[in-house]
Amino acid sequence: MRLGKGSLLFRLTYRYRSEEMLKAAGADANVGLVKAVESGDLTAIKFQMELTGRYNPRIDVNVNVEGLLARVVDIVARHVTPEVMEAIANELEGVVDPSAAVGQVRELAPVFNNAISI
């Protein structure tokens, strides 16, 4: 039985050990990534966001916000009374210009999607 570099036993042992070393290095890589993110490394931040699924550079999300809002207002207007529509308009004005608000304006929750860019 041959036990040199070409032997089956050597190749299987070598593959097993190299895979174990790679797995062990994964923890070090994770710690290094966290340190780089904490230090503000934008490349590391982008990579971390890709790993967690919060950002995908291959997905292009372009939304015409004005057109979308116009359609939403049209839909809402068909289903509510003029008084309700006026209340909605007043609250939306408060979001755009807090000094124009009628009553108390609440801060809107942020919306996260794949449109985040680094």
N, C-alpha and C. Protein backbone atom coordinates (compact mmCIF):
# COMPACT_ATOMS: atom_id res chain seq x y z
N MET A 1 0.85 -1.18 0.00
CA MET A 1 0.00 0.00 0.00
C MET A 1 0.89 1.24 0.00
N ARG A 2 0.62 2.13 -0.93
CA ARG A 2 1.40 3.35 -1.08
C ARG A 2 0.82 4.44 -0.18
N LEU A 3 1.66 5.14 0.62
CA LEU A 3 1.17 6.17 1.53
C LEU A 3 1.70 7.56 1.18
N GLY A 4 2.17 7.75 -0.04
CA GLY A 4 2.68 9.05 -0.46
C GLY A 4 1.55 10.01 -0.79
N LYS A 5 1.91 11.17 -1.35
CA LYS A 5 0.93 12.21 -1.69
C LYS A 5 -0.13 11.74 -2.68
N GLY A 6 0.16 10.75 -3.47
CA GLY A 6 -0.79 10.28 -4.46
C GLY A 6 -1.76 9.24 -3.93
N SER A 7 -1.56 8.77 -2.69
CA SER A 7 -2.41 7.71 -2.18
C SER A 7 -3.79 8.24 -1.80
N LEU A 8 -4.76 7.35 -1.85
CA LEU A 8 -6.13 7.70 -1.50
C LEU A 8 -6.23 8.13 -0.04
N LEU A 9 -5.56 7.40 0.84
CA LEU A 9 -5.60 7.74 2.26
C LEU A 9 -5.04 9.14 2.51
N PHE A 10 -3.93 9.47 1.86
CA PHE A 10 -3.34 10.80 2.02
C PHE A 10 -4.30 11.88 1.53
N ARG A 11 -4.88 11.68 0.33
CA ARG A 11 -5.79 12.69 -0.24
C ARG A 11 -7.02 12.88 0.64
N LEU A 12 -7.60 11.80 1.15
CA LEU A 12 -8.78 11.92 2.01
C LEU A 12 -8.44 12.62 3.33
N THR A 13 -7.31 12.27 3.91
CA THR A 13 -6.88 12.91 5.16
C THR A 13 -6.59 14.39 4.93
N TYR A 14 -5.91 14.67 3.84
CA TYR A 14 -5.57 16.06 3.51
C TYR A 14 -6.84 16.88 3.29
N ARG A 15 -7.80 16.35 2.56
CA ARG A 15 -9.06 17.05 2.31
C ARG A 15 -9.81 17.30 3.63
N TYR A 16 -9.89 16.26 4.46
CA TYR A 16 -10.59 16.39 5.74
C TYR A 16 -9.95 17.48 6.60
N ARG A 17 -8.62 17.44 6.74
CA ARG A 17 -7.93 18.43 7.59
C ARG A 17 -8.08 19.83 7.02
N SER A 18 -7.98 19.99 5.71
CA SER A 18 -8.10 21.33 5.12
C SER A 18 -9.52 21.87 5.31
N GLU A 19 -10.53 21.01 5.19
CA GLU A 19 -11.91 21.46 5.42
C GLU A 19 -12.12 21.85 6.87
N GLU A 20 -11.55 21.10 7.80
CA GLU A 20 -11.66 21.44 9.23
C GLU A 20 -10.97 22.77 9.52
N MET A 21 -9.83 23.00 8.91
CA MET A 21 -9.12 24.28 9.10
C MET A 21 -9.95 25.44 8.56
N LEU A 22 -10.58 25.22 7.42
CA LEU A 22 -11.42 26.26 6.82
C LEU A 22 -12.61 26.58 7.71
N LYS A 23 -13.24 25.55 8.27
CA LYS A 23 -14.36 25.77 9.19
C LYS A 23 -13.91 26.55 10.42
N ALA A 24 -12.76 26.18 10.98
CA ALA A 24 -12.24 26.87 12.16
C ALA A 24 -11.92 28.32 11.86
N ALA A 25 -11.44 28.60 10.65
CA ALA A 25 -11.12 29.97 10.28
C ALA A 25 -12.37 30.82 10.10
N GLY A 26 -13.53 30.19 9.91
CA GLY A 26 -14.78 30.91 9.73
C GLY A 26 -15.10 31.80 10.93
N ALA A 27 -14.85 31.28 12.12
CA ALA A 27 -15.12 32.09 13.32
C ALA A 27 -14.22 33.32 13.35
N ASP A 28 -12.95 33.13 13.01
CA ASP A 28 -12.02 34.27 12.96
C ASP A 28 -12.46 35.28 11.90
N ALA A 29 -12.94 34.76 10.76
CA ALA A 29 -13.41 35.66 9.70
C ALA A 29 -14.62 36.46 10.17
N ASN A 30 -15.53 35.82 10.90
CA ASN A 30 -16.70 36.52 11.41
C ASN A 30 -16.30 37.62 12.39
N VAL A 31 -15.37 37.31 13.28
CA VAL A 31 -14.90 38.30 14.25
C VAL A 31 -14.23 39.46 13.52
N GLY A 32 -13.42 39.14 12.51
CA GLY A 32 -12.75 40.19 11.74
C GLY A 32 -13.74 41.07 11.00
N LEU A 33 -14.80 40.45 10.46
CA LEU A 33 -15.83 41.22 9.76
C LEU A 33 -16.54 42.16 10.72
N VAL A 34 -16.88 41.67 11.89
CA VAL A 34 -17.56 42.52 12.88
C VAL A 34 -16.66 43.70 13.27
N LYS A 35 -15.39 43.44 13.48
CA LYS A 35 -14.46 44.52 13.83
C LYS A 35 -14.37 45.55 12.71
N ALA A 36 -14.32 45.07 11.46
CA ALA A 36 -14.23 45.99 10.32
C ALA A 36 -15.51 46.82 10.20
N VAL A 37 -16.66 46.19 10.42
CA VAL A 37 -17.94 46.92 10.38
C VAL A 37 -17.97 47.97 11.49
N GLU A 38 -17.57 47.58 12.68
CA GLU A 38 -17.56 48.52 13.81
C GLU A 38 -16.61 49.68 13.59
N SER A 39 -15.54 49.46 12.82
CA SER A 39 -14.59 50.55 12.57
C SER A 39 -15.05 51.46 11.43
N GLY A 40 -16.17 51.09 10.78
CA GLY A 40 -16.72 51.95 9.73
C GLY A 40 -16.25 51.63 8.33
N ASP A 41 -15.66 50.47 8.13
CA ASP A 41 -15.20 50.06 6.80
C ASP A 41 -16.42 49.83 5.90
N LEU A 42 -16.62 50.71 4.92
CA LEU A 42 -17.82 50.64 4.08
C LEU A 42 -17.91 49.35 3.27
N THR A 43 -16.79 48.82 2.84
CA THR A 43 -16.80 47.56 2.10
C THR A 43 -17.28 46.43 3.01
N ALA A 44 -16.80 46.42 4.24
CA ALA A 44 -17.22 45.40 5.21
C ALA A 44 -18.70 45.56 5.55
N ILE A 45 -19.17 46.80 5.69
CA ILE A 45 -20.58 47.04 5.98
C ILE A 45 -21.44 46.53 4.85
N LYS A 46 -21.04 46.83 3.63
CA LYS A 46 -21.79 46.37 2.46
C LYS A 46 -21.82 44.84 2.42
N PHE A 47 -20.68 44.21 2.65
CA PHE A 47 -20.60 42.76 2.64
C PHE A 47 -21.47 42.15 3.74
N GLN A 48 -21.43 42.73 4.92
CA GLN A 48 -22.24 42.24 6.04
C GLN A 48 -23.73 42.36 5.72
N MET A 49 -24.11 43.46 5.08
CA MET A 49 -25.52 43.64 4.72
C MET A 49 -25.94 42.64 3.64
N GLU A 50 -25.02 42.30 2.73
CA GLU A 50 -25.32 41.27 1.73
C GLU A 50 -25.48 39.91 2.40
N LEU A 51 -24.61 39.58 3.34
CA LEU A 51 -24.68 38.30 4.04
C LEU A 51 -25.99 38.14 4.81
N THR A 52 -26.46 39.23 5.40
CA THR A 52 -27.68 39.16 6.20
C THR A 52 -28.94 39.35 5.36
N GLY A 53 -28.78 39.64 4.07
CA GLY A 53 -29.94 39.77 3.19
C GLY A 53 -30.58 41.15 3.20
N ARG A 54 -29.97 42.13 3.84
CA ARG A 54 -30.55 43.47 3.89
C ARG A 54 -30.21 44.30 2.66
N TYR A 55 -29.25 43.82 1.87
CA TYR A 55 -28.83 44.55 0.68
C TYR A 55 -28.41 43.55 -0.37
N ASN A 56 -28.85 43.77 -1.60
CA ASN A 56 -28.45 42.92 -2.71
C ASN A 56 -28.15 43.84 -3.90
N PRO A 57 -26.88 43.95 -4.27
CA PRO A 57 -26.52 44.87 -5.35
C PRO A 57 -27.07 44.44 -6.71
N ARG A 58 -27.50 43.20 -6.82
CA ARG A 58 -28.01 42.70 -8.10
C ARG A 58 -29.49 43.02 -8.31
N ILE A 59 -30.15 43.52 -7.26
CA ILE A 59 -31.56 43.88 -7.38
C ILE A 59 -31.66 45.39 -7.50
N ASP A 60 -32.26 45.84 -8.58
CA ASP A 60 -32.42 47.27 -8.82
C ASP A 60 -33.86 47.66 -8.46
N VAL A 61 -34.00 48.43 -7.41
CA VAL A 61 -35.32 48.84 -6.97
C VAL A 61 -35.47 50.34 -7.24
N ASN A 62 -36.16 50.66 -8.32
CA ASN A 62 -36.44 52.05 -8.64
C ASN A 62 -37.94 52.26 -8.55
N VAL A 63 -38.34 53.15 -7.68
CA VAL A 63 -39.76 53.42 -7.47
C VAL A 63 -40.02 54.89 -7.74
N ASN A 64 -41.01 55.16 -8.56
CA ASN A 64 -41.44 56.52 -8.80
C ASN A 64 -42.35 56.89 -7.63
N VAL A 65 -41.78 57.53 -6.62
CA VAL A 65 -42.50 57.81 -5.38
C VAL A 65 -43.67 58.75 -5.63
N GLU A 66 -43.46 59.78 -6.43
CA GLU A 66 -44.55 60.72 -6.70
C GLU A 66 -45.71 60.03 -7.40
N GLY A 67 -45.40 59.21 -8.40
CA GLY A 67 -46.45 58.48 -9.10
C GLY A 67 -47.18 57.50 -8.20
N LEU A 68 -46.43 56.82 -7.35
CA LEU A 68 -47.02 55.88 -6.41
C LEU A 68 -47.94 56.60 -5.43
N LEU A 69 -47.48 57.71 -4.89
CA LEU A 69 -48.31 58.46 -3.94
C LEU A 69 -49.57 59.01 -4.62
N ALA A 70 -49.45 59.46 -5.85
CA ALA A 70 -50.62 59.96 -6.58
C ALA A 70 -51.66 58.86 -6.74
N ARG A 71 -51.20 57.65 -7.06
CA ARG A 71 -52.13 56.53 -7.21
C ARG A 71 -52.77 56.17 -5.88
N VAL A 72 -51.98 56.19 -4.81
CA VAL A 72 -52.52 55.88 -3.47
C VAL A 72 -53.58 56.90 -3.09
N VAL A 73 -53.29 58.18 -3.31
CA VAL A 73 -54.27 59.24 -2.99
C VAL A 73 -55.55 59.04 -3.80
N ASP A 74 -55.43 58.72 -5.08
CA ASP A 74 -56.63 58.47 -5.91
C ASP A 74 -57.45 57.32 -5.35
N ILE A 75 -56.77 56.24 -4.97
CA ILE A 75 -57.49 55.07 -4.44
C ILE A 75 -58.17 55.42 -3.13
N VAL A 76 -57.46 56.08 -2.23
CA VAL A 76 -58.04 56.46 -0.94
C VAL A 76 -59.22 57.40 -1.15
N ALA A 77 -59.09 58.36 -2.05
CA ALA A 77 -60.15 59.34 -2.30
C ALA A 77 -61.44 58.68 -2.77
N ARG A 78 -61.35 57.58 -3.48
CA ARG A 78 -62.56 56.89 -3.95
C ARG A 78 -63.29 56.16 -2.83
N HIS A 79 -62.63 55.94 -1.70
CA HIS A 79 -63.22 55.11 -0.65
C HIS A 79 -63.49 55.84 0.66
N VAL A 80 -63.18 57.12 0.74
CA VAL A 80 -63.41 57.84 2.00
C VAL A 80 -64.20 59.12 1.73
N THR A 81 -64.74 59.67 2.80
CA THR A 81 -65.50 60.92 2.68
C THR A 81 -64.54 62.08 2.48
N PRO A 82 -65.05 63.20 1.98
CA PRO A 82 -64.19 64.38 1.83
C PRO A 82 -63.58 64.83 3.16
N GLU A 83 -64.30 64.66 4.25
CA GLU A 83 -63.76 65.05 5.56
C GLU A 83 -62.55 64.19 5.93
N VAL A 84 -62.65 62.90 5.68
CA VAL A 84 -61.53 62.00 5.98
C VAL A 84 -60.36 62.33 5.07
N MET A 85 -60.66 62.61 3.82
CA MET A 85 -59.59 62.96 2.87
C MET A 85 -58.87 64.24 3.32
N GLU A 86 -59.62 65.19 3.82
CA GLU A 86 -59.01 66.43 4.31
C GLU A 86 -58.13 66.16 5.53
N ALA A 87 -58.59 65.29 6.43
CA ALA A 87 -57.79 64.94 7.61
C ALA A 87 -56.49 64.25 7.19
N ILE A 88 -56.58 63.37 6.20
CA ILE A 88 -55.38 62.70 5.71
C ILE A 88 -54.43 63.72 5.09
N ALA A 89 -54.97 64.62 4.29
CA ALA A 89 -54.14 65.65 3.65
C ALA A 89 -53.44 66.52 4.70
N ASN A 90 -54.17 66.91 5.74
CA ASN A 90 -53.58 67.73 6.80
C ASN A 90 -52.45 66.98 7.50
N GLU A 91 -52.65 65.70 7.76
CA GLU A 91 -51.60 64.93 8.44
C GLU A 91 -50.39 64.74 7.54
N LEU A 92 -50.63 64.51 6.25
CA LEU A 92 -49.51 64.38 5.32
C LEU A 92 -48.74 65.69 5.18
N GLU A 93 -49.43 66.82 5.19
CA GLU A 93 -48.75 68.11 5.16
C GLU A 93 -47.85 68.25 6.37
N GLY A 94 -48.30 67.73 7.51
CA GLY A 94 -47.50 67.77 8.73
C GLY A 94 -46.24 66.93 8.63
N VAL A 95 -46.30 65.88 7.85
CA VAL A 95 -45.11 65.04 7.66
C VAL A 95 -44.09 65.79 6.81
N VAL A 96 -44.58 66.46 5.76
CA VAL A 96 -43.70 67.21 4.87
C VAL A 96 -43.20 68.48 5.54
N ASP A 97 -44.10 69.19 6.20
CA ASP A 97 -43.77 70.46 6.86
C ASP A 97 -44.38 70.45 8.26
N PRO A 98 -43.62 70.04 9.28
CA PRO A 98 -44.17 69.93 10.63
C PRO A 98 -44.81 71.21 11.16
N SER A 99 -44.40 72.38 10.69
CA SER A 99 -44.99 73.62 11.18
C SER A 99 -46.42 73.79 10.66
N ALA A 100 -46.78 73.07 9.59
CA ALA A 100 -48.12 73.17 9.02
C ALA A 100 -49.07 72.14 9.61
N ALA A 101 -48.60 71.34 10.55
CA ALA A 101 -49.40 70.23 11.07
C ALA A 101 -50.60 70.70 11.87
N VAL A 102 -51.68 69.99 11.69
CA VAL A 102 -52.87 70.19 12.51
C VAL A 102 -52.86 69.08 13.53
N GLY A 103 -52.76 69.44 14.79
CA GLY A 103 -52.65 68.41 15.81
C GLY A 103 -51.21 67.96 15.95
N GLN A 104 -51.06 66.78 16.53
CA GLN A 104 -49.71 66.27 16.79
C GLN A 104 -49.28 65.34 15.65
N VAL A 105 -48.06 65.55 15.17
CA VAL A 105 -47.52 64.72 14.09
C VAL A 105 -46.58 63.70 14.71
N ARG A 106 -46.79 62.43 14.33
CA ARG A 106 -45.92 61.36 14.79
C ARG A 106 -44.83 61.14 13.75
N GLU A 107 -43.66 60.76 14.23
CA GLU A 107 -42.56 60.45 13.31
C GLU A 107 -42.88 59.14 12.61
N LEU A 108 -42.65 59.09 11.30
CA LEU A 108 -42.89 57.88 10.54
C LEU A 108 -41.78 56.88 10.78
N ALA A 109 -42.14 55.60 10.85
CA ALA A 109 -41.14 54.55 11.02
C ALA A 109 -40.35 54.41 9.73
N PRO A 110 -39.05 54.15 9.83
CA PRO A 110 -38.26 53.98 8.60
C PRO A 110 -38.65 52.70 7.88
N VAL A 111 -38.49 52.71 6.57
CA VAL A 111 -38.78 51.54 5.75
C VAL A 111 -37.46 51.04 5.19
N PHE A 112 -37.15 49.77 5.45
CA PHE A 112 -35.91 49.19 4.96
C PHE A 112 -36.23 48.22 3.84
N ASN A 113 -35.46 48.32 2.77
CA ASN A 113 -35.59 47.38 1.65
C ASN A 113 -34.27 47.28 0.92
N ASN A 114 -34.27 46.68 -0.23
CA ASN A 114 -33.03 46.51 -0.98
C ASN A 114 -32.54 47.77 -1.63
N ALA A 115 -33.24 48.89 -1.43
CA ALA A 115 -32.82 50.13 -2.05
C ALA A 115 -31.72 50.83 -1.23
N ILE A 116 -31.34 50.23 -0.11
CA ILE A 116 -30.28 50.82 0.71
C ILE A 116 -28.98 50.79 -0.09
N SER A 117 -28.32 51.90 -0.15
CA SER A 117 -27.05 51.92 -0.87
C SER A 117 -25.95 52.40 0.04
N ILE A 118 -24.80 51.88 -0.18
CA ILE A 118 -23.63 52.22 0.64
C ILE A 118 -22.64 52.94 -0.24
